[in-house]
Full PDB file with SEQRES, HELIX, SHEET, SSBOND, CRYST1, ORIGX, SCALE, CONECT and MASTER records, all heavy atoms in Angstrom:
SEQRES   1 A   41  GLY PHE LEU PRO LEU GLY GLY GLU LEU SER PRO ALA GLU          
SEQRES   2 A   41  VAL GLY ALA ALA ILE ALA SER ILE ALA GLY PHE ASN ASP          
SEQRES   3 A   41  SER ASP LEU ASP GLU ASP GLY PRO PRO ARG PRO ALA ASP          
SEQRES   4 A   41  PRO LEU                                                      
HELIX    1 AA1 PRO A   11  PHE A   24  1                                  14    
CRYST1    1.000    1.000    1.000  90.00  90.00  90.00 P 1           1          
ORIGX1      1.000000  0.000000  0.000000        0.00000                         
ORIGX2      0.000000  1.000000  0.000000        0.00000                         
ORIGX3      0.000000  0.000000  1.000000        0.00000                         
SCALE1      1.000000  0.000000  0.000000        0.00000                         
SCALE2      0.000000  1.000000  0.000000        0.00000                         
SCALE3      0.000000  0.000000  1.000000        0.00000                         
ATOM      1  N   GLY A   1     127.117 110.149 150.494  1.00  0.00           N  
ATOM      2  CA  GLY A   1     126.593 110.896 151.630  1.00  0.00           C  
ATOM      3  C   GLY A   1     127.731 111.138 152.605  1.00  0.00           C  
ATOM      4  O   GLY A   1     128.888 110.803 152.346  1.00  0.00           O  
ATOM      5  N   PHE A   2     127.414 111.726 153.744  1.00  0.00           N  
ATOM      6  CA  PHE A   2     128.440 112.040 154.728  1.00  0.00           C  
ATOM      7  C   PHE A   2     128.199 111.271 156.011  1.00  0.00           C  
ATOM      8  O   PHE A   2     127.072 111.237 156.513  1.00  0.00           O  
ATOM      9  CB  PHE A   2     128.472 113.542 155.018  1.00  0.00           C  
ATOM     10  CG  PHE A   2     128.893 114.355 153.835  1.00  0.00           C  
ATOM     11  CD1 PHE A   2     127.952 114.996 153.047  1.00  0.00           C  
ATOM     12  CD2 PHE A   2     130.233 114.460 153.487  1.00  0.00           C  
ATOM     13  CE1 PHE A   2     128.336 115.742 151.949  1.00  0.00           C  
ATOM     14  CE2 PHE A   2     130.627 115.202 152.393  1.00  0.00           C  
ATOM     15  CZ  PHE A   2     129.678 115.846 151.621  1.00  0.00           C  
ATOM     16  N   LEU A   3     129.242 110.659 156.546  1.00  0.00           N  
ATOM     17  CA  LEU A   3     129.183 109.929 157.806  1.00  0.00           C  
ATOM     18  C   LEU A   3     129.894 110.765 158.861  1.00  0.00           C  
ATOM     19  O   LEU A   3     131.109 110.985 158.765  1.00  0.00           O  
ATOM     20  CB  LEU A   3     129.876 108.564 157.664  1.00  0.00           C  
ATOM     21  CG  LEU A   3     129.966 107.717 158.928  1.00  0.00           C  
ATOM     22  CD1 LEU A   3     128.574 107.288 159.385  1.00  0.00           C  
ATOM     23  CD2 LEU A   3     130.838 106.502 158.688  1.00  0.00           C  
ATOM     24  N   PRO A   4     129.151 111.280 159.871  1.00  0.00           N  
ATOM     25  CA  PRO A   4     129.808 112.029 160.946  1.00  0.00           C  
ATOM     26  C   PRO A   4     130.704 111.092 161.755  1.00  0.00           C  
ATOM     27  O   PRO A   4     130.286 110.011 162.155  1.00  0.00           O  
ATOM     28  CB  PRO A   4     128.651 112.538 161.801  1.00  0.00           C  
ATOM     29  CG  PRO A   4     127.438 112.395 160.974  1.00  0.00           C  
ATOM     30  CD  PRO A   4     127.708 111.269 160.013  1.00  0.00           C  
ATOM     31  N   LEU A   5     131.942 111.498 161.980  1.00  0.00           N  
ATOM     32  CA  LEU A   5     132.899 110.668 162.703  1.00  0.00           C  
ATOM     33  C   LEU A   5     132.905 111.024 164.180  1.00  0.00           C  
ATOM     34  O   LEU A   5     132.806 112.195 164.541  1.00  0.00           O  
ATOM     35  CB  LEU A   5     134.298 110.831 162.122  1.00  0.00           C  
ATOM     36  CG  LEU A   5     134.440 110.489 160.645  1.00  0.00           C  
ATOM     37  CD1 LEU A   5     135.857 110.768 160.175  1.00  0.00           C  
ATOM     38  CD2 LEU A   5     134.044 109.043 160.381  1.00  0.00           C  
ATOM     39  N   GLY A   6     133.004 110.017 165.019  1.00  0.00           N  
ATOM     40  CA  GLY A   6     133.059 110.248 166.454  1.00  0.00           C  
ATOM     41  C   GLY A   6     133.117 108.926 167.193  1.00  0.00           C  
ATOM     42  O   GLY A   6     133.048 107.847 166.602  1.00  0.00           O  
ATOM     43  N   GLY A   7     133.212 109.007 168.509  1.00  0.00           N  
ATOM     44  CA  GLY A   7     133.350 107.823 169.342  1.00  0.00           C  
ATOM     45  C   GLY A   7     132.102 106.981 169.455  1.00  0.00           C  
ATOM     46  O   GLY A   7     132.161 105.861 169.967  1.00  0.00           O  
ATOM     47  N   GLU A   8     130.964 107.469 168.952  1.00  0.00           N  
ATOM     48  CA  GLU A   8     129.727 106.709 169.075  1.00  0.00           C  
ATOM     49  C   GLU A   8     129.399 105.881 167.830  1.00  0.00           C  
ATOM     50  O   GLU A   8     128.319 105.311 167.722  1.00  0.00           O  
ATOM     51  CB  GLU A   8     128.555 107.657 169.383  1.00  0.00           C  
ATOM     52  CG  GLU A   8     128.200 108.629 168.271  1.00  0.00           C  
ATOM     53  CD  GLU A   8     129.104 109.861 168.218  1.00  0.00           C  
ATOM     54  OE1 GLU A   8     129.899 110.084 169.137  1.00  0.00           O  
ATOM     55  OE2 GLU A   8     129.034 110.584 167.225  1.00  0.00           O  
ATOM     56  N   LEU A   9     130.346 105.741 166.895  1.00  0.00           N  
ATOM     57  CA  LEU A   9     130.107 104.933 165.697  1.00  0.00           C  
ATOM     58  C   LEU A   9     129.948 103.458 166.068  1.00  0.00           C  
ATOM     59  O   LEU A   9     130.662 102.942 166.929  1.00  0.00           O  
ATOM     60  CB  LEU A   9     131.266 105.060 164.713  1.00  0.00           C  
ATOM     61  CG  LEU A   9     131.442 106.397 164.006  1.00  0.00           C  
ATOM     62  CD1 LEU A   9     132.693 106.362 163.131  1.00  0.00           C  
ATOM     63  CD2 LEU A   9     130.237 106.748 163.181  1.00  0.00           C  
ATOM     64  N   SER A  10     129.036 102.793 165.375  1.00  0.00           N  
ATOM     65  CA  SER A  10     128.867 101.351 165.567  1.00  0.00           C  
ATOM     66  C   SER A  10     130.006 100.622 164.849  1.00  0.00           C  
ATOM     67  O   SER A  10     130.668 101.206 163.981  1.00  0.00           O  
ATOM     68  CB  SER A  10     127.520 100.900 164.987  1.00  0.00           C  
ATOM     69  OG  SER A  10     127.551 100.967 163.569  1.00  0.00           O  
ATOM     70  N   PRO A  11     130.233  99.342 165.177  1.00  0.00           N  
ATOM     71  CA  PRO A  11     131.274  98.590 164.461  1.00  0.00           C  
ATOM     72  C   PRO A  11     131.036  98.561 162.940  1.00  0.00           C  
ATOM     73  O   PRO A  11     131.991  98.646 162.164  1.00  0.00           O  
ATOM     74  CB  PRO A  11     131.187  97.193 165.070  1.00  0.00           C  
ATOM     75  CG  PRO A  11     130.693  97.433 166.463  1.00  0.00           C  
ATOM     76  CD  PRO A  11     129.711  98.570 166.322  1.00  0.00           C  
ATOM     77  N   ALA A  12     129.787  98.473 162.524  1.00  0.00           N  
ATOM     78  CA  ALA A  12     129.491  98.449 161.086  1.00  0.00           C  
ATOM     79  C   ALA A  12     129.784  99.802 160.445  1.00  0.00           C  
ATOM     80  O   ALA A  12     130.232  99.869 159.289  1.00  0.00           O  
ATOM     81  CB  ALA A  12     128.037  98.052 160.855  1.00  0.00           C  
ATOM     82  N   GLU A  13     129.564 100.913 161.166  1.00  0.00           N  
ATOM     83  CA  GLU A  13     129.887 102.235 160.637  1.00  0.00           C  
ATOM     84  C   GLU A  13     131.403 102.426 160.541  1.00  0.00           C  
ATOM     85  O   GLU A  13     131.893 103.024 159.581  1.00  0.00           O  
ATOM     86  CB  GLU A  13     129.264 103.328 161.504  1.00  0.00           C  
ATOM     87  CG  GLU A  13     127.760 103.415 161.349  1.00  0.00           C  
ATOM     88  CD  GLU A  13     127.125 104.361 162.349  1.00  0.00           C  
ATOM     89  OE1 GLU A  13     127.612 104.444 163.500  1.00  0.00           O  
ATOM     90  OE2 GLU A  13     126.136 105.018 161.979  1.00  0.00           O  
ATOM     91  N   VAL A  14     132.142 101.897 161.514  1.00  0.00           N  
ATOM     92  CA  VAL A  14     133.608 101.941 161.435  1.00  0.00           C  
ATOM     93  C   VAL A  14     134.071 101.128 160.222  1.00  0.00           C  
ATOM     94  O   VAL A  14     134.940 101.563 159.468  1.00  0.00           O  
ATOM     95  CB  VAL A  14     134.254 101.408 162.737  1.00  0.00           C  
ATOM     96  CG1 VAL A  14     135.764 101.258 162.569  1.00  0.00           C  
ATOM     97  CG2 VAL A  14     133.932 102.316 163.910  1.00  0.00           C  
ATOM     98  N   GLY A  15     133.470  99.956 160.009  1.00  0.00           N  
ATOM     99  CA  GLY A  15     133.805  99.141 158.836  1.00  0.00           C  
ATOM    100  C   GLY A  15     133.515  99.870 157.544  1.00  0.00           C  
ATOM    101  O   GLY A  15     134.296  99.807 156.590  1.00  0.00           O  
ATOM    102  N   ALA A  16     132.388 100.598 157.485  1.00  0.00           N  
ATOM    103  CA  ALA A  16     132.042 101.368 156.289  1.00  0.00           C  
ATOM    104  C   ALA A  16     133.055 102.490 156.067  1.00  0.00           C  
ATOM    105  O   ALA A  16     133.449 102.761 154.924  1.00  0.00           O  
ATOM    106  CB  ALA A  16     130.631 101.932 156.412  1.00  0.00           C  
ATOM    107  N   ALA A  17     133.481 103.144 157.139  1.00  0.00           N  
ATOM    108  CA  ALA A  17     134.465 104.223 157.018  1.00  0.00           C  
ATOM    109  C   ALA A  17     135.801 103.685 156.489  1.00  0.00           C  
ATOM    110  O   ALA A  17     136.391 104.271 155.571  1.00  0.00           O  
ATOM    111  CB  ALA A  17     134.663 104.913 158.369  1.00  0.00           C  
ATOM    112  N   ILE A  18     136.262 102.571 157.037  1.00  0.00           N  
ATOM    113  CA  ILE A  18     137.531 101.979 156.588  1.00  0.00           C  
ATOM    114  C   ILE A  18     137.436 101.528 155.133  1.00  0.00           C  
ATOM    115  O   ILE A  18     138.348 101.744 154.337  1.00  0.00           O  
ATOM    116  CB  ILE A  18     137.943 100.805 157.507  1.00  0.00           C  
ATOM    117  CG1 ILE A  18     138.189 101.292 158.930  1.00  0.00           C  
ATOM    118  CG2 ILE A  18     139.175 100.082 156.961  1.00  0.00           C  
ATOM    119  CD1 ILE A  18     139.281 102.314 159.073  1.00  0.00           C  
ATOM    120  N   ALA A  19     136.304 100.913 154.779  1.00  0.00           N  
ATOM    121  CA  ALA A  19     136.115 100.465 153.388  1.00  0.00           C  
ATOM    122  C   ALA A  19     136.101 101.650 152.439  1.00  0.00           C  
ATOM    123  O   ALA A  19     136.666 101.585 151.338  1.00  0.00           O  
ATOM    124  CB  ALA A  19     134.810  99.672 153.269  1.00  0.00           C  
ATOM    125  N   SER A  20     135.484 102.756 152.860  1.00  0.00           N  
ATOM    126  CA  SER A  20     135.430 103.942 152.017  1.00  0.00           C  
ATOM    127  C   SER A  20     136.817 104.552 151.830  1.00  0.00           C  
ATOM    128  O   SER A  20     137.208 104.915 150.718  1.00  0.00           O  
ATOM    129  CB  SER A  20     134.479 104.969 152.636  1.00  0.00           C  
ATOM    130  OG  SER A  20     134.360 106.092 151.809  1.00  0.00           O  
ATOM    131  N   ILE A  21     137.585 104.659 152.907  1.00  0.00           N  
ATOM    132  CA  ILE A  21     138.940 105.210 152.826  1.00  0.00           C  
ATOM    133  C   ILE A  21     139.828 104.318 151.956  1.00  0.00           C  
ATOM    134  O   ILE A  21     140.544 104.796 151.079  1.00  0.00           O  
ATOM    135  CB  ILE A  21     139.549 105.375 154.233  1.00  0.00           C  
ATOM    136  CG1 ILE A  21     138.806 106.473 155.000  1.00  0.00           C  
ATOM    137  CG2 ILE A  21     141.040 105.693 154.151  1.00  0.00           C  
ATOM    138  CD1 ILE A  21     139.135 106.517 156.471  1.00  0.00           C  
ATOM    139  N   ALA A  22     139.767 103.004 152.179  1.00  0.00           N  
ATOM    140  CA  ALA A  22     140.581 102.076 151.395  1.00  0.00           C  
ATOM    141  C   ALA A  22     140.161 102.101 149.923  1.00  0.00           C  
ATOM    142  O   ALA A  22     141.020 102.073 149.029  1.00  0.00           O  
ATOM    143  CB  ALA A  22     140.463 100.662 151.957  1.00  0.00           C  
ATOM    144  N   GLY A  23     138.858 102.170 149.663  1.00  0.00           N  
ATOM    145  CA  GLY A  23     138.383 102.222 148.281  1.00  0.00           C  
ATOM    146  C   GLY A  23     138.810 103.493 147.574  1.00  0.00           C  
ATOM    147  O   GLY A  23     139.168 103.490 146.393  1.00  0.00           O  
ATOM    148  N   PHE A  24     138.800 104.610 148.295  1.00  0.00           N  
ATOM    149  CA  PHE A  24     139.223 105.887 147.728  1.00  0.00           C  
ATOM    150  C   PHE A  24     140.700 105.868 147.369  1.00  0.00           C  
ATOM    151  O   PHE A  24     141.127 106.462 146.389  1.00  0.00           O  
ATOM    152  CB  PHE A  24     138.934 107.020 148.710  1.00  0.00           C  
ATOM    153  CG  PHE A  24     139.324 108.375 148.206  1.00  0.00           C  
ATOM    154  CD1 PHE A  24     138.566 109.026 147.255  1.00  0.00           C  
ATOM    155  CD2 PHE A  24     140.477 108.984 148.668  1.00  0.00           C  
ATOM    156  CE1 PHE A  24     138.940 110.275 146.777  1.00  0.00           C  
ATOM    157  CE2 PHE A  24     140.865 110.232 148.204  1.00  0.00           C  
ATOM    158  CZ  PHE A  24     140.086 110.880 147.252  1.00  0.00           C  
ATOM    159  N   ASN A  25     141.499 105.186 148.179  1.00  0.00           N  
ATOM    160  CA  ASN A  25     142.949 105.143 147.967  1.00  0.00           C  
ATOM    161  C   ASN A  25     143.390 104.012 147.054  1.00  0.00           C  
ATOM    162  O   ASN A  25     144.582 103.824 146.853  1.00  0.00           O  
ATOM    163  CB  ASN A  25     143.674 105.049 149.313  1.00  0.00           C  
ATOM    164  CG  ASN A  25     143.590 106.338 150.077  1.00  0.00           C  
ATOM    165  OD1 ASN A  25     143.897 107.393 149.553  1.00  0.00           O  
ATOM    166  ND2 ASN A  25     143.155 106.268 151.312  1.00  0.00           N  
ATOM    167  N   ASP A  26     142.459 103.231 146.513  1.00  0.00           N  
ATOM    168  CA  ASP A  26     142.786 102.104 145.649  1.00  0.00           C  
ATOM    169  C   ASP A  26     143.309 102.627 144.310  1.00  0.00           C  
ATOM    170  O   ASP A  26     142.616 103.330 143.591  1.00  0.00           O  
ATOM    171  CB  ASP A  26     141.556 101.240 145.426  1.00  0.00           C  
ATOM    172  CG  ASP A  26     141.854 100.001 144.622  1.00  0.00           C  
ATOM    173  OD1 ASP A  26     143.010  99.552 144.623  1.00  0.00           O  
ATOM    174  OD2 ASP A  26     140.920  99.472 143.982  1.00  0.00           O  
ATOM    175  N   SER A  27     144.539 102.316 144.004  1.00  0.00           N  
ATOM    176  CA  SER A  27     145.149 102.809 142.776  1.00  0.00           C  
ATOM    177  C   SER A  27     146.253 101.862 142.328  1.00  0.00           C  
ATOM    178  O   SER A  27     146.979 101.310 143.140  1.00  0.00           O  
ATOM    179  CB  SER A  27     145.725 104.201 143.006  1.00  0.00           C  
ATOM    180  OG  SER A  27     146.430 104.633 141.881  1.00  0.00           O  
ATOM    181  N   ASP A  28     146.388 101.693 141.037  1.00  0.00           N  
ATOM    182  CA  ASP A  28     147.471 100.897 140.468  1.00  0.00           C  
ATOM    183  C   ASP A  28     148.480 101.791 139.744  1.00  0.00           C  
ATOM    184  O   ASP A  28     149.172 101.356 138.837  1.00  0.00           O  
ATOM    185  CB  ASP A  28     146.917  99.862 139.484  1.00  0.00           C  
ATOM    186  CG  ASP A  28     146.322  98.667 140.181  1.00  0.00           C  
ATOM    187  OD1 ASP A  28     146.786  98.343 141.283  1.00  0.00           O  
ATOM    188  OD2 ASP A  28     145.391  98.065 139.637  1.00  0.00           O  
ATOM    189  N   LEU A  29     148.562 103.052 140.147  1.00  0.00           N  
ATOM    190  CA  LEU A  29     149.447 103.989 139.461  1.00  0.00           C  
ATOM    191  C   LEU A  29     150.922 103.778 139.782  1.00  0.00           C  
ATOM    192  O   LEU A  29     151.779 104.229 139.040  1.00  0.00           O  
ATOM    193  CB  LEU A  29     149.045 105.426 139.818  1.00  0.00           C  
ATOM    194  CG  LEU A  29     147.629 105.821 139.386  1.00  0.00           C  
ATOM    195  CD1 LEU A  29     147.324 107.240 139.848  1.00  0.00           C  
ATOM    196  CD2 LEU A  29     147.463 105.699 137.892  1.00  0.00           C  
ATOM    197  N   ASP A  30     151.209 103.087 140.881  1.00  0.00           N  
ATOM    198  CA  ASP A  30     152.603 102.869 141.287  1.00  0.00           C  
ATOM    199  C   ASP A  30     153.147 101.638 140.564  1.00  0.00           C  
ATOM    200  O   ASP A  30     153.020 100.513 141.015  1.00  0.00           O  
ATOM    201  CB  ASP A  30     152.693 102.686 142.797  1.00  0.00           C  
ATOM    202  CG  ASP A  30     154.123 102.575 143.286  1.00  0.00           C  
ATOM    203  OD1 ASP A  30     155.042 102.880 142.501  1.00  0.00           O  
ATOM    204  OD2 ASP A  30     154.310 102.201 144.450  1.00  0.00           O  
ATOM    205  N   GLU A  31     153.780 101.863 139.416  1.00  0.00           N  
ATOM    206  CA  GLU A  31     154.294 100.748 138.617  1.00  0.00           C  
ATOM    207  C   GLU A  31     155.533 100.117 139.239  1.00  0.00           C  
ATOM    208  O   GLU A  31     155.879  98.983 138.917  1.00  0.00           O  
ATOM    209  CB  GLU A  31     154.597 101.236 137.213  1.00  0.00           C  
ATOM    210  CG  GLU A  31     153.363 101.678 136.461  1.00  0.00           C  
ATOM    211  CD  GLU A  31     153.701 102.275 135.113  1.00  0.00           C  
ATOM    212  OE1 GLU A  31     154.880 102.256 134.723  1.00  0.00           O  
ATOM    213  OE2 GLU A  31     152.769 102.756 134.452  1.00  0.00           O  
ATOM    214  N   ASP A  32     156.206 100.836 140.141  1.00  0.00           N  
ATOM    215  CA  ASP A  32     157.418 100.309 140.764  1.00  0.00           C  
ATOM    216  C   ASP A  32     157.113  99.476 141.996  1.00  0.00           C  
ATOM    217  O   ASP A  32     157.994  98.803 142.527  1.00  0.00           O  
ATOM    218  CB  ASP A  32     158.351 101.465 141.162  1.00  0.00           C  
ATOM    219  CG  ASP A  32     158.847 102.242 139.950  1.00  0.00           C  
ATOM    220  OD1 ASP A  32     158.953 101.634 138.869  1.00  0.00           O  
ATOM    221  OD2 ASP A  32     159.093 103.449 140.093  1.00  0.00           O  
ATOM    222  N   GLY A  33     155.879  99.490 142.467  1.00  0.00           N  
ATOM    223  CA  GLY A  33     155.503  98.762 143.675  1.00  0.00           C  
ATOM    224  C   GLY A  33     155.216  97.301 143.390  1.00  0.00           C  
ATOM    225  O   GLY A  33     155.267  96.836 142.241  1.00  0.00           O  
ATOM    226  N   PRO A  34     154.900  96.551 144.434  1.00  0.00           N  
ATOM    227  CA  PRO A  34     154.598  95.127 144.257  1.00  0.00           C  
ATOM    228  C   PRO A  34     153.283  94.939 143.503  1.00  0.00           C  
ATOM    229  O   PRO A  34     152.421  95.817 143.524  1.00  0.00           O  
ATOM    230  CB  PRO A  34     154.489  94.615 145.693  1.00  0.00           C  
ATOM    231  CG  PRO A  34     154.129  95.814 146.501  1.00  0.00           C  
ATOM    232  CD  PRO A  34     154.784  96.967 145.828  1.00  0.00           C  
ATOM    233  N   PRO A  35     153.125  93.807 142.829  1.00  0.00           N  
ATOM    234  CA  PRO A  35     151.880  93.554 142.105  1.00  0.00           C  
ATOM    235  C   PRO A  35     150.713  93.348 143.074  1.00  0.00           C  
ATOM    236  O   PRO A  35     150.898  93.001 144.233  1.00  0.00           O  
ATOM    237  CB  PRO A  35     152.168  92.277 141.314  1.00  0.00           C  
ATOM    238  CG  PRO A  35     153.260  91.607 142.078  1.00  0.00           C  
ATOM    239  CD  PRO A  35     154.067  92.709 142.706  1.00  0.00           C  
ATOM    240  N   ARG A  36     149.498  93.570 142.575  1.00  0.00           N  
ATOM    241  CA  ARG A  36     148.294  93.404 143.376  1.00  0.00           C  
ATOM    242  C   ARG A  36     148.113  91.918 143.712  1.00  0.00           C  
ATOM    243  O   ARG A  36     148.162  91.068 142.840  1.00  0.00           O  
ATOM    244  CB  ARG A  36     147.088  93.900 142.598  1.00  0.00           C  
ATOM    245  CG  ARG A  36     145.789  93.853 143.377  1.00  0.00           C  
ATOM    246  CD  ARG A  36     144.652  94.447 142.573  1.00  0.00           C  
ATOM    247  NE  ARG A  36     144.831  95.863 142.365  1.00  0.00           N  
ATOM    248  CZ  ARG A  36     144.393  96.796 143.202  1.00  0.00           C  
ATOM    249  NH1 ARG A  36     143.767  96.450 144.295  1.00  0.00           N  
ATOM    250  NH2 ARG A  36     144.584  98.066 142.936  1.00  0.00           N  
ATOM    251  N   PRO A  37     147.890  91.576 145.004  1.00  0.00           N  
ATOM    252  CA  PRO A  37     147.676  90.185 145.402  1.00  0.00           C  
ATOM    253  C   PRO A  37     146.388  89.606 144.804  1.00  0.00           C  
ATOM    254  O   PRO A  37     145.460  90.341 144.476  1.00  0.00           O  
ATOM    255  CB  PRO A  37     147.572  90.252 146.921  1.00  0.00           C  
ATOM    256  CG  PRO A  37     148.161  91.567 147.310  1.00  0.00           C  
ATOM    257  CD  PRO A  37     147.932  92.475 146.149  1.00  0.00           C  
ATOM    258  N   ALA A  38     146.307  88.294 144.695  1.00  0.00           N  
ATOM    259  CA  ALA A  38     145.131  87.633 144.130  1.00  0.00           C  
ATOM    260  C   ALA A  38     143.997  87.502 145.155  1.00  0.00           C  
ATOM    261  O   ALA A  38     142.825  87.507 144.783  1.00  0.00           O  
ATOM    262  CB  ALA A  38     145.507  86.251 143.611  1.00  0.00           C  
ATOM    263  N   ASP A  39     144.308  87.396 146.442  1.00  0.00           N  
ATOM    264  CA  ASP A  39     143.303  87.288 147.493  1.00  0.00           C  
ATOM    265  C   ASP A  39     142.437  88.548 147.516  1.00  0.00           C  
ATOM    266  O   ASP A  39     142.976  89.656 147.509  1.00  0.00           O  
ATOM    267  CB  ASP A  39     144.017  87.099 148.842  1.00  0.00           C  
ATOM    268  CG  ASP A  39     143.082  87.180 150.021  1.00  0.00           C  
ATOM    269  OD1 ASP A  39     142.111  86.429 150.059  1.00  0.00           O  
ATOM    270  OD2 ASP A  39     143.340  88.048 150.886  1.00  0.00           O  
ATOM    271  N   PRO A  40     141.070  88.430 147.542  1.00  0.00           N  
ATOM    272  CA  PRO A  40     140.213  89.614 147.476  1.00  0.00           C  
ATOM    273  C   PRO A  40     140.476  90.649 148.577  1.00  0.00           C  
ATOM    274  O   PRO A  40     140.542  91.846 148.291  1.00  0.00           O  
ATOM    275  CB  PRO A  40     138.804  89.047 147.607  1.00  0.00           C  
ATOM    276  CG  PRO A  40     138.909  87.635 147.146  1.00  0.00           C  
ATOM    277  CD  PRO A  40     140.298  87.193 147.533  1.00  0.00           C  
ATOM    278  N   LEU A  41     140.641  90.213 149.829  1.00  0.00           N  
ATOM    279  CA  LEU A  41     140.885  91.162 150.910  1.00  0.00           C  
ATOM    280  C   LEU A  41     142.245  91.842 150.743  1.00  0.00           C  
ATOM    281  O   LEU A  41     142.356  93.066 150.824  1.00  0.00           O  
ATOM    282  CB  LEU A  41     140.790  90.475 152.266  1.00  0.00           C  
ATOM    283  CG  LEU A  41     141.068  91.352 153.489  1.00  0.00           C  
ATOM    284  CD1 LEU A  41     140.115  92.536 153.519  1.00  0.00           C  
ATOM    285  CD2 LEU A  41     140.989  90.543 154.766  1.00  0.00           C  
TER     286      LEU A  41                                                      
MASTER        0    0    0    1    0    0    0    6  285    1    0    4          
END                                                                             
């Protein structure tokens, strides 16, 4: 779905937006970069 962005977002909506952006950018395609850490966060 779509989350409208603006200054009236709740803290949980900001958390959902950050999680969505980070999840979208999650990739292991960079073989030259550092290995993925073991800690979940």
